[in-house]
Amino acid sequence: MSTISKTLLLALLAAVGVGCGYSKPKTSMPAISHLSPPDANAGSGQFQLEVDGVSFASNAAVSFNGVAETTTVVNSTKLEATIPASAIMTAGTVPVTVTNPASGGIYGMGSVTSAPMNFTIN
């Protein structure tokens, strides 16, 4: 194969690769606007945490202090998570986040996690 043929073939492959228009799908980042309750007493029992916000996926998960908790998706703006008593044994402030897991398929995107909102353990 001649140098010119190789150059043309390489240019054609590059044009096809660039011209295919592939880009990652655009999705909204989940965002937390409100926690209810916003605090709990250290050493108290298990409770339900309501997380309100936007762009929650149908399989979103709430993390409390970095641990994914059992989550019920009410709708795209409301989640409920069961927080075990063991997660609130010590007073302090812990982050709460929402993660939308990776979408499937060949063009799926990775998981996305909201900015944290602080929860206070009194």
N, C-alpha and C. Protein backbone atom coordinates (compact mmCIF):
# COMPACT_ATOMS: atom_id res chain seq x y z
N MET A 1 0.86 -1.17 0.00
CA MET A 1 0.00 0.00 0.00
C MET A 1 0.90 1.23 0.00
N SER A 2 0.59 2.18 -0.83
CA SER A 2 1.43 3.37 -0.95
C SER A 2 1.22 4.32 0.22
N THR A 3 2.16 5.22 0.40
CA THR A 3 2.07 6.21 1.47
C THR A 3 0.84 7.08 1.31
N ILE A 4 0.51 7.45 0.08
CA ILE A 4 -0.67 8.28 -0.18
C ILE A 4 -1.94 7.51 0.19
N SER A 5 -2.00 6.24 -0.16
CA SER A 5 -3.17 5.42 0.18
C SER A 5 -3.33 5.30 1.69
N LYS A 6 -2.21 5.08 2.39
CA LYS A 6 -2.26 4.97 3.84
C LYS A 6 -2.72 6.29 4.46
N THR A 7 -2.23 7.41 3.95
CA THR A 7 -2.61 8.71 4.47
C THR A 7 -4.09 8.97 4.24
N LEU A 8 -4.59 8.64 3.04
CA LEU A 8 -6.01 8.82 2.74
C LEU A 8 -6.88 7.93 3.64
N LEU A 9 -6.44 6.69 3.84
CA LEU A 9 -7.20 5.79 4.69
C LEU A 9 -7.24 6.30 6.13
N LEU A 10 -6.11 6.76 6.62
CA LEU A 10 -6.05 7.31 7.97
C LEU A 10 -6.93 8.55 8.10
N ALA A 11 -6.91 9.43 7.11
CA ALA A 11 -7.75 10.64 7.12
C ALA A 11 -9.23 10.27 7.09
N LEU A 12 -9.58 9.25 6.30
CA LEU A 12 -10.97 8.81 6.22
C LEU A 12 -11.44 8.25 7.56
N LEU A 13 -10.62 7.42 8.19
CA LEU A 13 -10.97 6.87 9.49
C LEU A 13 -11.12 7.96 10.55
N ALA A 14 -10.23 8.94 10.52
CA ALA A 14 -10.32 10.05 11.47
C ALA A 14 -11.60 10.85 11.24
N ALA A 15 -11.95 11.10 9.99
CA ALA A 15 -13.16 11.86 9.67
C ALA A 15 -14.41 11.13 10.14
N VAL A 16 -14.43 9.81 9.96
CA VAL A 16 -15.58 9.03 10.40
C VAL A 16 -15.68 9.07 11.93
N GLY A 17 -14.56 8.92 12.61
CA GLY A 17 -14.55 8.94 14.08
C GLY A 17 -15.00 10.27 14.64
N VAL A 18 -14.52 11.37 14.06
CA VAL A 18 -14.87 12.70 14.54
C VAL A 18 -16.29 13.06 14.14
N GLY A 19 -16.70 12.63 12.97
CA GLY A 19 -18.01 13.03 12.43
C GLY A 19 -19.18 12.23 12.93
N CYS A 20 -18.95 11.21 13.75
CA CYS A 20 -20.08 10.38 14.18
C CYS A 20 -20.99 11.11 15.14
N GLY A 21 -20.51 12.19 15.77
CA GLY A 21 -21.35 13.00 16.64
C GLY A 21 -21.57 12.40 18.01
N TYR A 22 -20.77 11.43 18.40
CA TYR A 22 -20.94 10.81 19.71
C TYR A 22 -20.61 11.79 20.82
N SER A 23 -21.45 11.83 21.80
CA SER A 23 -21.17 12.55 23.04
C SER A 23 -21.95 11.84 24.13
N LYS A 24 -21.50 11.99 25.36
CA LYS A 24 -22.21 11.36 26.47
C LYS A 24 -23.59 11.99 26.61
N PRO A 25 -24.58 11.18 26.98
CA PRO A 25 -25.92 11.74 27.19
C PRO A 25 -25.89 12.78 28.30
N LYS A 26 -26.68 13.80 28.12
CA LYS A 26 -26.76 14.85 29.14
C LYS A 26 -27.86 14.47 30.12
N THR A 27 -27.51 14.39 31.38
CA THR A 27 -28.50 14.12 32.42
C THR A 27 -28.32 15.16 33.51
N SER A 28 -29.34 15.37 34.25
CA SER A 28 -29.26 16.33 35.34
C SER A 28 -28.65 15.68 36.57
N MET A 29 -27.84 16.44 37.24
CA MET A 29 -27.22 16.01 38.49
C MET A 29 -28.29 16.04 39.58
N PRO A 30 -28.41 14.99 40.40
CA PRO A 30 -29.37 15.08 41.51
C PRO A 30 -28.94 16.16 42.48
N ALA A 31 -29.91 16.82 43.08
CA ALA A 31 -29.61 17.88 44.05
C ALA A 31 -30.58 17.78 45.21
N ILE A 32 -30.06 17.90 46.42
CA ILE A 32 -30.87 17.85 47.64
C ILE A 32 -31.23 19.27 48.05
N SER A 33 -32.52 19.50 48.36
CA SER A 33 -32.95 20.82 48.81
C SER A 33 -33.36 20.83 50.29
N HIS A 34 -33.77 19.65 50.82
CA HIS A 34 -34.31 19.63 52.18
C HIS A 34 -34.23 18.21 52.75
N LEU A 35 -33.90 18.12 54.04
CA LEU A 35 -33.93 16.85 54.77
C LEU A 35 -34.98 16.96 55.87
N SER A 36 -35.74 15.90 56.05
CA SER A 36 -36.74 15.89 57.11
C SER A 36 -36.73 14.53 57.80
N PRO A 37 -36.40 14.47 59.06
CA PRO A 37 -35.99 15.58 59.92
C PRO A 37 -34.58 16.05 59.58
N PRO A 38 -34.23 17.28 59.97
CA PRO A 38 -32.88 17.79 59.70
C PRO A 38 -31.85 17.36 60.74
N ASP A 39 -32.34 16.74 61.83
CA ASP A 39 -31.44 16.30 62.90
C ASP A 39 -32.09 15.18 63.70
N ALA A 40 -31.27 14.55 64.55
CA ALA A 40 -31.76 13.49 65.44
C ALA A 40 -30.86 13.47 66.67
N ASN A 41 -31.36 12.88 67.73
CA ASN A 41 -30.57 12.76 68.96
C ASN A 41 -29.69 11.52 68.90
N ALA A 42 -28.44 11.68 69.31
CA ALA A 42 -27.51 10.56 69.35
C ALA A 42 -28.08 9.46 70.25
N GLY A 43 -27.97 8.23 69.77
CA GLY A 43 -28.45 7.10 70.56
C GLY A 43 -29.92 6.80 70.41
N SER A 44 -30.65 7.63 69.65
CA SER A 44 -32.07 7.34 69.45
C SER A 44 -32.19 6.22 68.41
N GLY A 45 -33.38 5.76 68.22
CA GLY A 45 -33.60 4.60 67.35
C GLY A 45 -33.59 4.89 65.87
N GLN A 46 -33.80 3.83 65.11
CA GLN A 46 -33.92 3.90 63.66
C GLN A 46 -35.01 4.89 63.27
N PHE A 47 -34.84 5.57 62.13
CA PHE A 47 -35.85 6.52 61.68
C PHE A 47 -35.88 6.60 60.17
N GLN A 48 -36.96 7.18 59.65
CA GLN A 48 -37.11 7.42 58.21
C GLN A 48 -36.64 8.83 57.91
N LEU A 49 -35.73 8.97 56.97
CA LEU A 49 -35.25 10.27 56.52
C LEU A 49 -35.87 10.57 55.17
N GLU A 50 -36.57 11.69 55.08
CA GLU A 50 -37.13 12.14 53.81
C GLU A 50 -36.12 13.09 53.16
N VAL A 51 -35.81 12.81 51.91
CA VAL A 51 -34.87 13.63 51.17
C VAL A 51 -35.62 14.24 50.00
N ASP A 52 -35.72 15.57 49.99
CA ASP A 52 -36.40 16.28 48.91
C ASP A 52 -35.36 16.97 48.03
N GLY A 53 -35.66 17.05 46.75
CA GLY A 53 -34.74 17.69 45.81
C GLY A 53 -35.22 17.55 44.39
N VAL A 54 -34.28 17.43 43.46
CA VAL A 54 -34.62 17.31 42.05
C VAL A 54 -33.73 16.28 41.36
N SER A 55 -34.23 15.77 40.25
CA SER A 55 -33.50 14.87 39.36
C SER A 55 -33.08 13.55 40.01
N PHE A 56 -33.96 12.99 40.83
CA PHE A 56 -33.68 11.68 41.41
C PHE A 56 -34.12 10.60 40.42
N ALA A 57 -33.23 9.66 40.13
CA ALA A 57 -33.55 8.56 39.22
C ALA A 57 -34.47 7.55 39.90
N SER A 58 -35.06 6.69 39.10
CA SER A 58 -35.99 5.70 39.65
C SER A 58 -35.29 4.65 40.51
N ASN A 59 -33.96 4.62 40.47
CA ASN A 59 -33.19 3.68 41.29
C ASN A 59 -32.14 4.42 42.13
N ALA A 60 -32.42 5.67 42.46
CA ALA A 60 -31.49 6.49 43.25
C ALA A 60 -31.29 5.89 44.64
N ALA A 61 -30.14 6.19 45.22
CA ALA A 61 -29.82 5.69 46.57
C ALA A 61 -29.34 6.84 47.45
N VAL A 62 -29.81 6.84 48.68
CA VAL A 62 -29.39 7.82 49.67
C VAL A 62 -28.20 7.24 50.45
N SER A 63 -27.16 8.05 50.61
CA SER A 63 -26.02 7.68 51.45
C SER A 63 -26.02 8.60 52.66
N PHE A 64 -25.85 7.98 53.84
CA PHE A 64 -25.82 8.70 55.10
C PHE A 64 -24.44 8.47 55.69
N ASN A 65 -23.66 9.53 55.77
CA ASN A 65 -22.28 9.45 56.25
C ASN A 65 -21.45 8.45 55.44
N GLY A 66 -21.69 8.44 54.12
CA GLY A 66 -20.92 7.59 53.20
C GLY A 66 -21.42 6.17 53.04
N VAL A 67 -22.50 5.82 53.72
CA VAL A 67 -23.04 4.46 53.65
C VAL A 67 -24.38 4.49 52.91
N ALA A 68 -24.49 3.69 51.85
CA ALA A 68 -25.76 3.60 51.12
C ALA A 68 -26.79 2.92 52.00
N GLU A 69 -27.91 3.59 52.18
CA GLU A 69 -28.97 3.07 53.05
C GLU A 69 -30.14 2.57 52.20
N THR A 70 -31.00 1.75 52.81
CA THR A 70 -32.19 1.26 52.13
C THR A 70 -33.05 2.46 51.73
N THR A 71 -33.29 2.59 50.43
CA THR A 71 -33.96 3.78 49.89
C THR A 71 -35.22 3.41 49.14
N THR A 72 -36.27 4.18 49.37
CA THR A 72 -37.51 4.07 48.60
C THR A 72 -37.65 5.34 47.77
N VAL A 73 -37.80 5.16 46.46
CA VAL A 73 -38.01 6.30 45.57
C VAL A 73 -39.51 6.57 45.50
N VAL A 74 -39.91 7.72 46.02
CA VAL A 74 -41.32 8.11 45.96
C VAL A 74 -41.61 8.69 44.58
N ASN A 75 -40.74 9.61 44.15
CA ASN A 75 -40.82 10.18 42.81
C ASN A 75 -39.48 10.87 42.52
N SER A 76 -39.40 11.62 41.44
CA SER A 76 -38.12 12.23 41.04
C SER A 76 -37.69 13.38 41.94
N THR A 77 -38.55 13.75 42.91
CA THR A 77 -38.20 14.85 43.82
C THR A 77 -38.25 14.44 45.29
N LYS A 78 -38.55 13.16 45.57
CA LYS A 78 -38.68 12.73 46.97
C LYS A 78 -38.20 11.29 47.14
N LEU A 79 -37.29 11.11 48.10
CA LEU A 79 -36.79 9.78 48.47
C LEU A 79 -37.01 9.59 49.96
N GLU A 80 -37.12 8.34 50.39
CA GLU A 80 -37.18 8.02 51.80
C GLU A 80 -36.13 6.96 52.08
N ALA A 81 -35.33 7.19 53.11
CA ALA A 81 -34.28 6.25 53.48
C ALA A 81 -34.43 5.82 54.92
N THR A 82 -34.19 4.55 55.16
CA THR A 82 -34.22 4.01 56.52
C THR A 82 -32.83 4.15 57.11
N ILE A 83 -32.72 4.96 58.15
CA ILE A 83 -31.43 5.20 58.81
C ILE A 83 -31.40 4.36 60.08
N PRO A 84 -30.46 3.41 60.18
CA PRO A 84 -30.41 2.55 61.36
C PRO A 84 -29.90 3.29 62.60
N ALA A 85 -30.29 2.80 63.76
CA ALA A 85 -29.86 3.42 65.02
C ALA A 85 -28.33 3.45 65.12
N SER A 86 -27.67 2.47 64.56
CA SER A 86 -26.20 2.41 64.64
C SER A 86 -25.52 3.57 63.90
N ALA A 87 -26.24 4.22 63.00
CA ALA A 87 -25.67 5.32 62.22
C ALA A 87 -25.70 6.65 62.97
N ILE A 88 -26.42 6.69 64.10
CA ILE A 88 -26.54 7.96 64.84
C ILE A 88 -26.16 7.80 66.31
N MET A 89 -25.13 7.01 66.56
CA MET A 89 -24.71 6.76 67.93
C MET A 89 -23.87 7.90 68.53
N THR A 90 -23.22 8.67 67.67
CA THR A 90 -22.30 9.71 68.14
C THR A 90 -22.72 11.08 67.61
N ALA A 91 -22.71 12.09 68.48
CA ALA A 91 -23.06 13.45 68.07
C ALA A 91 -22.07 13.96 67.03
N GLY A 92 -22.59 14.78 66.12
CA GLY A 92 -21.75 15.38 65.09
C GLY A 92 -22.57 15.72 63.87
N THR A 93 -21.89 16.11 62.82
CA THR A 93 -22.53 16.44 61.55
C THR A 93 -22.08 15.43 60.51
N VAL A 94 -23.04 14.87 59.79
CA VAL A 94 -22.71 13.87 58.77
C VAL A 94 -23.31 14.29 57.42
N PRO A 95 -22.63 13.94 56.32
CA PRO A 95 -23.15 14.30 55.00
C PRO A 95 -24.20 13.30 54.52
N VAL A 96 -25.19 13.83 53.82
CA VAL A 96 -26.20 13.02 53.15
C VAL A 96 -26.08 13.33 51.66
N THR A 97 -26.01 12.29 50.84
CA THR A 97 -25.94 12.48 49.39
C THR A 97 -26.95 11.56 48.70
N VAL A 98 -27.23 11.87 47.43
CA VAL A 98 -28.07 11.02 46.59
C VAL A 98 -27.25 10.65 45.37
N THR A 99 -27.24 9.35 45.05
CA THR A 99 -26.53 8.88 43.86
C THR A 99 -27.51 8.26 42.89
N ASN A 100 -27.45 8.72 41.65
CA ASN A 100 -28.16 8.07 40.56
C ASN A 100 -27.17 7.08 39.95
N PRO A 101 -27.45 5.76 40.03
CA PRO A 101 -26.51 4.76 39.54
C PRO A 101 -26.26 4.89 38.03
N ALA A 102 -25.19 4.25 37.59
CA ALA A 102 -24.83 4.26 36.16
C ALA A 102 -25.99 3.72 35.34
N SER A 103 -26.18 4.34 34.19
CA SER A 103 -27.21 3.85 33.27
C SER A 103 -26.58 2.78 32.40
N GLY A 104 -27.37 1.86 31.94
CA GLY A 104 -26.87 0.74 31.14
C GLY A 104 -26.71 1.08 29.68
N GLY A 105 -26.36 0.09 28.93
CA GLY A 105 -26.24 0.25 27.49
C GLY A 105 -24.86 0.72 27.07
N ILE A 106 -24.63 0.66 25.80
CA ILE A 106 -23.32 1.01 25.25
C ILE A 106 -22.98 2.48 25.43
N TYR A 107 -23.98 3.34 25.43
CA TYR A 107 -23.73 4.77 25.56
C TYR A 107 -24.13 5.29 26.94
N GLY A 108 -24.30 4.40 27.89
CA GLY A 108 -24.69 4.80 29.23
C GLY A 108 -23.60 5.63 29.91
N MET A 109 -24.01 6.36 30.92
CA MET A 109 -23.03 7.17 31.63
C MET A 109 -22.82 6.60 33.03
N GLY A 110 -21.76 7.04 33.67
CA GLY A 110 -21.46 6.58 35.01
C GLY A 110 -22.41 7.17 36.03
N SER A 111 -22.29 6.71 37.25
CA SER A 111 -23.16 7.22 38.30
C SER A 111 -22.82 8.68 38.60
N VAL A 112 -23.82 9.41 39.09
CA VAL A 112 -23.64 10.81 39.47
C VAL A 112 -24.18 10.99 40.88
N THR A 113 -23.45 11.77 41.68
CA THR A 113 -23.80 11.98 43.08
C THR A 113 -23.98 13.46 43.37
N SER A 114 -25.01 13.76 44.14
CA SER A 114 -25.32 15.14 44.51
C SER A 114 -24.24 15.72 45.42
N ALA A 115 -24.28 17.02 45.55
CA ALA A 115 -23.47 17.68 46.58
C ALA A 115 -24.06 17.25 47.93
N PRO A 116 -23.23 17.16 48.96
CA PRO A 116 -23.77 16.73 50.26
C PRO A 116 -24.59 17.81 50.96
N MET A 117 -25.54 17.36 51.75
CA MET A 117 -26.27 18.24 52.67
C MET A 117 -26.01 17.68 54.06
N ASN A 118 -25.73 18.55 55.01
CA ASN A 118 -25.38 18.10 56.35
C ASN A 118 -26.61 17.73 57.18
N PHE A 119 -26.47 16.64 57.93
CA PHE A 119 -27.46 16.19 58.89
C PHE A 119 -26.79 16.28 60.25
N THR A 120 -27.50 16.80 61.25
CA THR A 120 -26.93 16.98 62.57
C THR A 120 -27.40 15.89 63.52
N ILE A 121 -26.43 15.29 64.21
CA ILE A 121 -26.75 14.34 65.28
C ILE A 121 -26.44 15.06 66.59
N ASN A 122 -27.47 15.33 67.37
CA ASN A 122 -27.33 16.09 68.62
C ASN A 122 -26.86 15.21 69.77
